[in-house]
N, C-alpha and C. Protein backbone atom coordinates (compact mmCIF):
# COMPACT_ATOMS: atom_id res chain seq x y z
N MET A 1 39.40 144.07 236.60
CA MET A 1 39.31 143.45 237.90
C MET A 1 39.46 144.52 238.99
N ASN A 2 40.24 145.54 238.73
CA ASN A 2 40.47 146.63 239.66
C ASN A 2 39.11 147.33 239.94
N ASP A 3 38.30 147.51 238.87
CA ASP A 3 36.97 148.15 239.05
C ASP A 3 36.10 147.33 239.94
N THR A 4 36.21 145.99 239.83
CA THR A 4 35.40 145.09 240.70
C THR A 4 35.82 145.22 242.14
N LEU A 5 37.10 145.34 242.39
CA LEU A 5 37.60 145.48 243.76
C LEU A 5 37.12 146.80 244.32
N ILE A 6 37.17 147.92 243.57
CA ILE A 6 36.69 149.20 244.06
C ILE A 6 35.22 149.12 244.35
N LEU A 7 34.48 148.49 243.48
CA LEU A 7 33.02 148.38 243.62
C LEU A 7 32.73 147.55 244.85
N GLU A 8 33.45 146.46 245.06
CA GLU A 8 33.24 145.65 246.26
C GLU A 8 33.50 146.43 247.53
N GLN A 9 34.58 147.28 247.55
CA GLN A 9 34.85 148.07 248.70
C GLN A 9 33.80 149.12 248.98
N ARG A 10 33.30 149.72 247.91
CA ARG A 10 32.27 150.77 248.08
C ARG A 10 30.96 150.08 248.63
N LEU A 11 30.63 148.94 248.07
CA LEU A 11 29.42 148.25 248.49
C LEU A 11 29.57 147.78 249.98
N ALA A 12 30.75 147.29 250.36
CA ALA A 12 31.00 146.86 251.73
C ALA A 12 30.83 148.06 252.70
N ALA A 13 31.35 149.25 252.27
CA ALA A 13 31.22 150.46 253.10
C ALA A 13 29.77 150.88 253.26
N ALA A 14 29.06 150.79 252.14
CA ALA A 14 27.60 151.19 252.19
C ALA A 14 26.85 150.20 253.07
N LEU A 15 27.13 148.92 252.95
CA LEU A 15 26.44 147.93 253.79
C LEU A 15 26.77 148.15 255.25
N SER A 16 27.98 148.54 255.56
CA SER A 16 28.37 148.78 256.90
C SER A 16 27.60 149.97 257.49
N ARG A 17 27.47 151.03 256.68
CA ARG A 17 26.68 152.16 257.12
C ARG A 17 25.21 151.75 257.35
N ILE A 18 24.67 151.02 256.44
CA ILE A 18 23.28 150.54 256.59
C ILE A 18 23.10 149.65 257.82
N SER A 19 24.09 148.80 258.08
CA SER A 19 24.07 147.95 259.25
C SER A 19 24.07 148.75 260.56
N ASN A 20 24.88 149.80 260.55
CA ASN A 20 24.96 150.69 261.76
C ASN A 20 23.61 151.31 262.01
N VAL A 21 23.00 151.84 260.94
CA VAL A 21 21.71 152.51 261.08
C VAL A 21 20.63 151.47 261.56
N ALA A 22 20.66 150.27 260.95
CA ALA A 22 19.71 149.26 261.31
C ALA A 22 19.89 148.83 262.79
N GLU A 23 21.11 148.71 263.24
CA GLU A 23 21.34 148.37 264.65
C GLU A 23 20.90 149.47 265.58
N THR A 24 21.11 150.70 265.18
CA THR A 24 20.63 151.85 266.03
C THR A 24 19.16 151.81 266.13
N LEU A 25 18.46 151.56 264.99
CA LEU A 25 16.99 151.53 265.04
C LEU A 25 16.49 150.34 265.87
N SER A 26 17.09 149.19 265.78
CA SER A 26 16.67 148.04 266.54
C SER A 26 16.93 148.25 268.04
N ILE A 27 18.04 148.87 268.39
CA ILE A 27 18.32 149.12 269.80
C ILE A 27 17.38 150.10 270.40
N THR A 28 17.06 151.17 269.69
CA THR A 28 16.08 152.11 270.16
C THR A 28 14.70 151.51 270.29
N ARG A 29 14.38 150.60 269.42
CA ARG A 29 13.11 149.89 269.45
C ARG A 29 12.97 149.01 270.66
N ILE A 30 14.06 148.27 270.90
CA ILE A 30 14.06 147.32 272.05
C ILE A 30 14.02 148.10 273.41
N LEU A 31 14.84 149.16 273.51
CA LEU A 31 14.86 149.88 274.77
C LEU A 31 13.77 150.92 274.91
N ASN A 32 12.91 151.04 273.93
CA ASN A 32 11.83 152.02 273.91
C ASN A 32 12.31 153.45 274.25
N VAL A 33 13.39 153.79 273.58
CA VAL A 33 13.88 155.18 273.76
C VAL A 33 13.67 155.92 272.47
N GLU A 34 13.81 157.20 272.55
CA GLU A 34 13.63 158.08 271.38
C GLU A 34 14.79 157.73 270.38
N ALA A 35 14.45 157.56 269.16
CA ALA A 35 15.47 157.35 268.11
C ALA A 35 16.24 158.59 267.89
N PRO A 36 17.58 158.44 267.78
CA PRO A 36 18.37 159.67 267.50
C PRO A 36 18.08 160.23 266.10
N VAL A 37 18.18 161.47 265.96
CA VAL A 37 17.96 162.10 264.66
C VAL A 37 19.22 161.90 263.86
N LEU A 38 19.06 161.13 262.75
CA LEU A 38 20.18 160.80 261.91
C LEU A 38 20.42 161.96 260.86
N ASP A 39 19.37 162.48 260.37
CA ASP A 39 19.47 163.49 259.34
C ASP A 39 18.45 164.58 259.71
N PRO A 40 18.67 165.76 259.28
CA PRO A 40 17.66 166.86 259.51
C PRO A 40 16.37 166.43 258.73
N LYS A 41 15.27 166.89 259.25
CA LYS A 41 13.96 166.62 258.56
C LYS A 41 14.01 167.24 257.14
N THR A 42 13.69 166.39 256.27
CA THR A 42 13.50 166.85 254.88
C THR A 42 12.14 166.27 254.38
N GLU A 43 11.69 166.81 253.28
CA GLU A 43 10.47 166.32 252.71
C GLU A 43 10.58 164.83 252.40
N ALA A 44 11.77 164.40 251.92
CA ALA A 44 11.93 162.98 251.56
C ALA A 44 11.84 162.10 252.80
N ASN A 45 12.48 162.56 253.88
CA ASN A 45 12.44 161.75 255.14
C ASN A 45 11.01 161.68 255.63
N GLU A 46 10.36 162.82 255.69
CA GLU A 46 8.96 162.85 256.22
C GLU A 46 8.06 161.95 255.34
N ALA A 47 8.24 162.02 254.01
CA ALA A 47 7.42 161.16 253.19
C ALA A 47 7.73 159.69 253.40
N PHE A 48 8.98 159.37 253.67
CA PHE A 48 9.33 157.99 253.96
C PHE A 48 8.71 157.54 255.26
N GLU A 49 8.78 158.40 256.28
CA GLU A 49 8.23 158.03 257.59
C GLU A 49 6.70 157.84 257.51
N ASN A 50 6.04 158.63 256.65
CA ASN A 50 4.61 158.47 256.47
C ASN A 50 4.25 157.20 255.69
N MET A 51 5.15 156.79 254.81
CA MET A 51 4.90 155.57 254.02
C MET A 51 5.07 154.29 254.80
N VAL A 52 6.05 154.28 255.70
CA VAL A 52 6.43 153.08 256.44
C VAL A 52 6.03 153.20 257.89
N PRO A 53 5.00 152.46 258.33
CA PRO A 53 4.62 152.49 259.70
C PRO A 53 5.73 151.88 260.58
N SER A 54 5.77 152.22 261.82
CA SER A 54 6.82 151.76 262.72
C SER A 54 6.85 150.23 262.87
N ALA A 55 5.70 149.58 262.74
CA ALA A 55 5.65 148.14 262.87
C ALA A 55 6.40 147.42 261.71
N ASP A 56 6.55 148.11 260.61
CA ASP A 56 7.19 147.50 259.45
C ASP A 56 8.70 147.54 259.60
N PHE A 57 9.24 148.28 260.57
CA PHE A 57 10.70 148.40 260.67
C PHE A 57 11.34 147.02 260.93
N TYR A 58 10.65 146.16 261.69
CA TYR A 58 11.18 144.81 261.92
C TYR A 58 11.24 144.04 260.67
N GLU A 59 10.28 144.13 259.82
CA GLU A 59 10.28 143.45 258.51
C GLU A 59 11.38 143.99 257.66
N ILE A 60 11.53 145.31 257.65
CA ILE A 60 12.57 145.94 256.85
C ILE A 60 13.94 145.51 257.36
N GLN A 61 14.08 145.45 258.70
CA GLN A 61 15.39 145.06 259.23
C GLN A 61 15.67 143.64 258.84
N THR A 62 14.73 142.76 258.86
CA THR A 62 14.91 141.34 258.47
C THR A 62 15.28 141.31 257.03
N GLU A 63 14.58 142.02 256.17
CA GLU A 63 14.94 142.04 254.75
C GLU A 63 16.32 142.59 254.50
N LEU A 64 16.71 143.62 255.27
CA LEU A 64 18.04 144.24 255.19
C LEU A 64 19.12 143.20 255.58
N THR A 65 18.84 142.48 256.67
CA THR A 65 19.82 141.46 257.09
C THR A 65 19.90 140.38 256.02
N ASP A 66 18.82 139.92 255.49
CA ASP A 66 18.87 138.86 254.42
C ASP A 66 19.63 139.36 253.24
N ALA A 67 19.36 140.64 252.89
CA ALA A 67 20.05 141.17 251.65
C ALA A 67 21.50 141.32 251.94
N ARG A 68 21.91 141.69 253.18
CA ARG A 68 23.31 141.83 253.52
C ARG A 68 24.01 140.45 253.45
N GLU A 69 23.34 139.45 253.96
CA GLU A 69 23.92 138.10 253.94
C GLU A 69 24.11 137.61 252.49
N LYS A 70 23.10 137.87 251.64
CA LYS A 70 23.17 137.48 250.24
C LYS A 70 24.34 138.23 249.55
N PHE A 71 24.41 139.54 249.88
CA PHE A 71 25.51 140.34 249.29
C PHE A 71 26.88 139.74 249.65
N HIS A 72 27.06 139.43 250.99
CA HIS A 72 28.37 138.93 251.40
C HIS A 72 28.60 137.57 250.75
N GLU A 73 27.63 136.75 250.59
CA GLU A 73 27.81 135.43 249.93
C GLU A 73 28.19 135.67 248.43
N GLN A 74 27.49 136.57 247.81
CA GLN A 74 27.80 136.84 246.36
C GLN A 74 29.20 137.46 246.29
N ALA A 75 29.59 138.32 247.20
CA ALA A 75 30.92 138.90 247.17
C ALA A 75 31.98 137.81 247.31
N ARG A 76 31.73 136.86 248.24
CA ARG A 76 32.68 135.72 248.40
C ARG A 76 32.75 134.89 247.08
N GLN A 77 31.58 134.71 246.48
CA GLN A 77 31.60 133.93 245.22
C GLN A 77 32.34 134.66 244.15
N ILE A 78 32.20 135.95 244.05
CA ILE A 78 32.90 136.73 243.04
C ILE A 78 34.42 136.60 243.28
N VAL A 79 34.84 136.75 244.54
CA VAL A 79 36.27 136.62 244.83
C VAL A 79 36.74 135.25 244.51
N ASP A 80 36.03 134.19 244.92
CA ASP A 80 36.46 132.81 244.60
C ASP A 80 36.53 132.57 243.10
N LEU A 81 35.53 133.02 242.35
CA LEU A 81 35.54 132.79 240.91
C LEU A 81 36.64 133.58 240.24
N THR A 82 36.90 134.78 240.69
CA THR A 82 37.97 135.55 240.13
C THR A 82 39.30 134.95 240.39
N GLN A 83 39.51 134.42 241.58
CA GLN A 83 40.74 133.75 241.90
C GLN A 83 40.91 132.45 241.04
N ALA A 84 39.79 131.73 240.91
CA ALA A 84 39.80 130.49 240.15
C ALA A 84 40.14 130.78 238.65
N LEU A 85 39.54 131.87 238.13
CA LEU A 85 39.80 132.27 236.78
C LEU A 85 41.28 132.65 236.57
N GLU A 86 41.80 133.43 237.49
CA GLU A 86 43.17 133.86 237.38
C GLU A 86 44.11 132.66 237.52
N ALA A 87 43.80 131.74 238.45
CA ALA A 87 44.67 130.54 238.63
C ALA A 87 44.57 129.66 237.38
N ASP A 88 43.42 129.60 236.75
CA ASP A 88 43.29 128.79 235.55
C ASP A 88 43.96 129.44 234.35
N ARG A 89 43.96 130.75 234.24
CA ARG A 89 44.54 131.41 233.12
C ARG A 89 46.08 131.48 233.19
N THR A 90 46.63 131.62 234.37
CA THR A 90 48.02 131.82 234.55
C THR A 90 48.86 130.70 233.94
N PRO A 91 48.61 129.41 234.19
CA PRO A 91 49.42 128.38 233.55
C PRO A 91 49.22 128.38 232.05
N GLN A 92 48.00 128.68 231.57
CA GLN A 92 47.75 128.64 230.17
C GLN A 92 48.50 129.78 229.44
N VAL A 93 48.49 130.96 230.01
CA VAL A 93 49.18 132.07 229.43
C VAL A 93 50.71 131.85 229.38
N GLN A 94 51.22 131.28 230.46
CA GLN A 94 52.64 131.05 230.58
C GLN A 94 53.08 129.93 229.69
N GLY A 95 52.12 129.19 229.12
CA GLY A 95 52.55 128.08 228.18
C GLY A 95 53.28 126.96 228.92
N SER A 96 52.71 126.54 230.03
CA SER A 96 53.39 125.50 230.83
C SER A 96 53.60 124.28 229.94
N SER A 97 54.59 123.47 230.32
CA SER A 97 54.96 122.29 229.52
C SER A 97 53.92 121.22 229.55
N GLY A 98 53.07 121.23 230.58
CA GLY A 98 51.98 120.25 230.66
C GLY A 98 50.81 120.48 229.76
N ALA A 99 50.67 121.72 229.27
CA ALA A 99 49.55 122.06 228.47
C ALA A 99 49.75 121.58 227.05
N ASP A 100 48.71 121.05 226.43
CA ASP A 100 48.90 120.58 225.07
C ASP A 100 48.84 121.78 224.12
N PRO A 101 49.33 121.61 222.88
CA PRO A 101 49.43 122.68 221.93
C PRO A 101 48.03 123.24 221.57
N TYR A 102 47.03 122.38 221.60
CA TYR A 102 45.69 122.82 221.23
C TYR A 102 45.16 123.85 222.29
N ASN A 103 45.34 123.56 223.55
CA ASN A 103 44.92 124.53 224.58
C ASN A 103 45.69 125.85 224.45
N HIS A 104 46.98 125.76 224.19
CA HIS A 104 47.83 126.93 224.06
C HIS A 104 47.29 127.75 222.81
N TYR A 105 46.95 127.05 221.77
CA TYR A 105 46.40 127.71 220.54
C TYR A 105 45.08 128.41 220.91
N LEU A 106 44.21 127.72 221.64
CA LEU A 106 42.94 128.33 222.03
C LEU A 106 43.12 129.57 222.89
N VAL A 107 44.07 129.52 223.77
CA VAL A 107 44.31 130.69 224.67
C VAL A 107 44.76 131.85 223.79
N GLU A 108 45.65 131.57 222.80
CA GLU A 108 46.10 132.69 221.91
C GLU A 108 44.93 133.18 221.08
N GLU A 109 44.09 132.35 220.64
CA GLU A 109 42.95 132.73 219.80
C GLU A 109 41.99 133.57 220.64
N VAL A 110 41.73 133.14 221.84
CA VAL A 110 40.81 133.89 222.70
C VAL A 110 41.38 135.29 223.05
N SER A 111 42.71 135.37 223.26
CA SER A 111 43.39 136.61 223.50
C SER A 111 43.23 137.51 222.33
N ALA A 112 43.44 136.95 221.11
CA ALA A 112 43.28 137.74 219.89
C ALA A 112 41.86 138.23 219.75
N LEU A 113 40.92 137.31 220.06
CA LEU A 113 39.54 137.72 219.95
C LEU A 113 39.19 138.83 220.95
N GLU A 114 39.70 138.73 222.16
CA GLU A 114 39.45 139.78 223.13
C GLU A 114 40.02 141.12 222.64
N THR A 115 41.18 141.07 222.04
CA THR A 115 41.80 142.32 221.47
C THR A 115 40.89 142.88 220.40
N LYS A 116 40.44 142.04 219.49
CA LYS A 116 39.54 142.54 218.42
C LYS A 116 38.26 143.10 218.95
N LEU A 117 37.71 142.44 220.00
CA LEU A 117 36.49 142.96 220.57
C LEU A 117 36.70 144.30 221.27
N SER A 118 37.85 144.43 221.87
CA SER A 118 38.10 145.81 222.48
C SER A 118 38.23 146.83 221.43
N GLN A 119 38.79 146.47 220.25
CA GLN A 119 38.85 147.44 219.12
C GLN A 119 37.48 147.74 218.67
N VAL A 120 36.52 146.80 218.68
CA VAL A 120 35.15 147.06 218.24
C VAL A 120 34.53 148.06 219.22
N VAL A 121 34.72 147.84 220.52
CA VAL A 121 34.19 148.76 221.48
C VAL A 121 34.73 150.15 221.28
N GLN A 122 36.02 150.29 221.08
CA GLN A 122 36.66 151.58 220.92
C GLN A 122 36.12 152.24 219.58
N SER A 123 36.00 151.46 218.54
CA SER A 123 35.53 151.96 217.28
C SER A 123 34.08 152.44 217.40
N ASN A 124 33.26 151.69 218.15
CA ASN A 124 31.87 152.06 218.33
C ASN A 124 31.76 153.32 219.15
N ALA A 125 32.63 153.53 220.10
CA ALA A 125 32.64 154.76 220.90
C ALA A 125 32.97 155.96 219.99
N GLN A 126 33.93 155.80 219.08
CA GLN A 126 34.25 156.89 218.16
C GLN A 126 33.06 157.15 217.24
N LEU A 127 32.42 156.13 216.84
CA LEU A 127 31.24 156.28 215.96
C LEU A 127 30.14 157.04 216.71
N ARG A 128 29.92 156.71 217.95
CA ARG A 128 28.91 157.42 218.69
C ARG A 128 29.24 158.91 218.81
N VAL A 129 30.51 159.24 219.11
CA VAL A 129 30.92 160.61 219.21
C VAL A 129 30.69 161.37 217.88
N ALA A 130 31.14 160.70 216.83
CA ALA A 130 30.95 161.35 215.50
C ALA A 130 29.52 161.58 215.16
N ASN A 131 28.73 160.60 215.44
CA ASN A 131 27.27 160.71 215.18
C ASN A 131 26.59 161.76 216.04
N GLN A 132 27.02 161.88 217.29
CA GLN A 132 26.55 162.95 218.19
C GLN A 132 26.85 164.32 217.63
N ASN A 133 28.10 164.44 217.11
CA ASN A 133 28.51 165.71 216.53
C ASN A 133 27.68 166.03 215.30
N LEU A 134 27.38 165.00 214.50
CA LEU A 134 26.56 165.22 213.33
C LEU A 134 25.16 165.64 213.74
N ARG A 135 24.57 165.01 214.77
CA ARG A 135 23.29 165.37 215.23
C ARG A 135 23.26 166.83 215.73
N ASP A 136 24.31 167.21 216.45
CA ASP A 136 24.34 168.57 216.96
C ASP A 136 24.43 169.59 215.80
N ALA A 137 25.25 169.26 214.79
CA ALA A 137 25.40 170.15 213.64
C ALA A 137 24.10 170.25 212.90
N ASN A 138 23.41 169.14 212.73
CA ASN A 138 22.11 169.17 212.03
C ASN A 138 21.07 169.89 212.82
N ALA A 139 21.07 169.79 214.16
CA ALA A 139 20.12 170.52 214.99
C ALA A 139 20.33 172.05 214.82
N LYS A 140 21.60 172.49 214.64
CA LYS A 140 21.88 173.89 214.45
C LYS A 140 21.62 174.31 213.03
N GLY A 141 21.40 173.36 212.15
CA GLY A 141 21.13 173.72 210.77
C GLY A 141 22.41 173.91 209.97
N VAL A 142 23.50 173.49 210.53
CA VAL A 142 24.81 173.63 209.87
C VAL A 142 25.28 172.28 209.37
N GLY A 143 25.30 172.04 208.08
CA GLY A 143 25.79 170.76 207.56
C GLY A 143 27.24 170.89 207.27
N ASP A 144 28.08 170.39 208.25
CA ASP A 144 29.53 170.49 208.12
C ASP A 144 30.03 169.22 207.33
N ALA A 145 30.71 169.44 206.24
CA ALA A 145 31.22 168.33 205.44
C ALA A 145 32.25 167.55 206.18
N GLY A 146 33.10 168.22 206.97
CA GLY A 146 34.13 167.52 207.74
C GLY A 146 33.51 166.59 208.77
N LEU A 147 32.42 167.02 209.43
CA LEU A 147 31.78 166.10 210.39
C LEU A 147 31.15 164.95 209.67
N ILE A 148 30.57 165.17 208.52
CA ILE A 148 29.92 164.07 207.78
C ILE A 148 31.00 163.10 207.36
N ASN A 149 32.12 163.57 206.86
CA ASN A 149 33.25 162.69 206.43
C ASN A 149 33.80 161.92 207.67
N SER A 150 33.97 162.56 208.80
CA SER A 150 34.54 161.85 209.97
C SER A 150 33.48 160.81 210.46
N GLY A 151 32.25 161.16 210.39
CA GLY A 151 31.20 160.18 210.82
C GLY A 151 31.21 158.97 209.93
N LEU A 152 31.26 159.20 208.60
CA LEU A 152 31.27 158.10 207.67
C LEU A 152 32.57 157.23 207.82
N GLN A 153 33.70 157.93 208.09
CA GLN A 153 34.95 157.21 208.29
C GLN A 153 34.93 156.33 209.55
N ALA A 154 34.35 156.90 210.60
CA ALA A 154 34.20 156.16 211.86
C ALA A 154 33.30 154.93 211.64
N GLU A 155 32.24 155.11 210.86
CA GLU A 155 31.34 153.97 210.54
C GLU A 155 32.04 152.90 209.78
N ILE A 156 32.83 153.32 208.76
CA ILE A 156 33.58 152.34 207.99
C ILE A 156 34.58 151.59 208.89
N ASN A 157 35.30 152.32 209.75
CA ASN A 157 36.27 151.70 210.66
C ASN A 157 35.59 150.73 211.61
N SER A 158 34.39 151.11 212.09
CA SER A 158 33.68 150.25 212.97
C SER A 158 33.25 149.00 212.28
N LEU A 159 32.76 149.12 211.03
CA LEU A 159 32.33 147.93 210.33
C LEU A 159 33.54 147.02 209.96
N THR A 160 34.67 147.63 209.65
CA THR A 160 35.90 146.82 209.36
C THR A 160 36.32 146.04 210.63
N VAL A 161 36.35 146.68 211.77
CA VAL A 161 36.74 146.08 212.98
C VAL A 161 35.76 144.97 213.38
N GLU A 162 34.44 145.21 213.26
CA GLU A 162 33.44 144.27 213.53
C GLU A 162 33.58 143.00 212.64
N ARG A 163 33.89 143.25 211.36
CA ARG A 163 34.10 142.13 210.45
C ARG A 163 35.30 141.30 210.87
N ALA A 164 36.36 141.95 211.25
CA ALA A 164 37.58 141.22 211.70
C ALA A 164 37.27 140.42 212.94
N ALA A 165 36.46 140.95 213.84
CA ALA A 165 36.16 140.24 215.09
C ALA A 165 35.24 139.06 214.73
N ASP A 166 34.31 139.25 213.83
CA ASP A 166 33.47 138.12 213.38
C ASP A 166 34.33 137.01 212.73
N ALA A 167 35.30 137.38 211.92
CA ALA A 167 36.18 136.42 211.30
C ALA A 167 36.99 135.69 212.35
N ALA A 168 37.45 136.38 213.38
CA ALA A 168 38.19 135.70 214.44
C ALA A 168 37.33 134.74 215.21
N GLN A 169 36.08 135.12 215.45
CA GLN A 169 35.16 134.23 216.17
C GLN A 169 34.87 133.00 215.31
N ILE A 170 34.70 133.19 213.99
CA ILE A 170 34.37 132.09 213.11
C ILE A 170 35.55 131.13 213.07
N GLN A 171 36.77 131.69 213.00
CA GLN A 171 38.01 130.88 212.95
C GLN A 171 38.17 130.09 214.27
N LEU A 172 37.85 130.67 215.38
CA LEU A 172 37.90 129.97 216.66
C LEU A 172 36.90 128.85 216.70
N LEU A 173 35.66 129.10 216.21
CA LEU A 173 34.69 128.01 216.18
C LEU A 173 35.12 126.89 215.28
N ILE A 174 35.63 127.24 214.09
CA ILE A 174 36.06 126.20 213.17
C ILE A 174 37.14 125.32 213.79
N THR A 175 38.10 125.99 214.43
CA THR A 175 39.19 125.23 215.07
C THR A 175 38.65 124.33 216.19
N ALA A 176 37.79 124.85 216.99
CA ALA A 176 37.19 124.04 218.07
C ALA A 176 36.37 122.89 217.55
N LEU A 177 35.56 123.09 216.51
CA LEU A 177 34.80 122.05 215.93
C LEU A 177 35.65 121.00 215.23
N THR A 178 36.68 121.43 214.55
CA THR A 178 37.57 120.52 213.88
C THR A 178 38.26 119.62 214.90
N ASN A 179 38.79 120.20 215.96
CA ASN A 179 39.46 119.39 216.97
C ASN A 179 38.48 118.50 217.71
N ALA A 180 37.21 118.94 217.90
CA ALA A 180 36.27 118.10 218.57
C ALA A 180 35.89 116.93 217.68
N ALA A 181 35.83 117.10 216.37
CA ALA A 181 35.52 116.01 215.46
C ALA A 181 36.66 115.01 215.35
N GLU A 182 37.95 115.49 215.54
CA GLU A 182 39.08 114.61 215.45
C GLU A 182 39.28 113.81 216.71
N GLU A 183 38.70 114.21 217.86
CA GLU A 183 38.91 113.45 219.11
C GLU A 183 38.21 112.07 218.98
N PRO A 184 38.82 111.03 219.55
CA PRO A 184 38.21 109.71 219.50
C PRO A 184 36.91 109.71 220.30
N GLN A 185 35.93 109.02 219.76
CA GLN A 185 34.61 108.95 220.38
C GLN A 185 34.59 107.67 221.23
N ASP A 186 34.12 107.80 222.49
CA ASP A 186 33.89 106.61 223.31
C ASP A 186 32.54 105.99 222.96
N ALA A 187 32.60 104.67 222.76
CA ALA A 187 31.35 103.99 222.37
C ALA A 187 30.61 103.40 223.50
């Protein structure tokens, strides 16, 4: 969630800079004054100016404004959903007295599943590193037995962790289906 907050801040800063440039362009257009030089002339800037006629700046500004509004709306939705998720998880994790044992069990199972999935990700990262080392050694024409063994061990570990994660997912599904079948059906 910390990464999301940092990303939101960076995007907000970027949108603020874009907004300032768009406002500067629109003011200079309305007042019919020379636009200030924002950056020194570069090939990229000149190519951009040649591609976009000055009449299209209004369209670009409108699109930019629409995009900014959509971004702000999506940012608000992300914040709202994150807060709702945290508010929903907090009582479940704390094991409040109002929660039934089944929900508490599901929260524990989901937490265990998340742990196993993080182990899968870590194991796969180790496997990628070992395989890259093997590729590098093979490209040099050096077949290192230690690299081969570590690559195979990383692959075995990855498969073991993936199998444990699959088993946890299956157990969670079985539990959910069993409890769903036991609930009384409304006719």
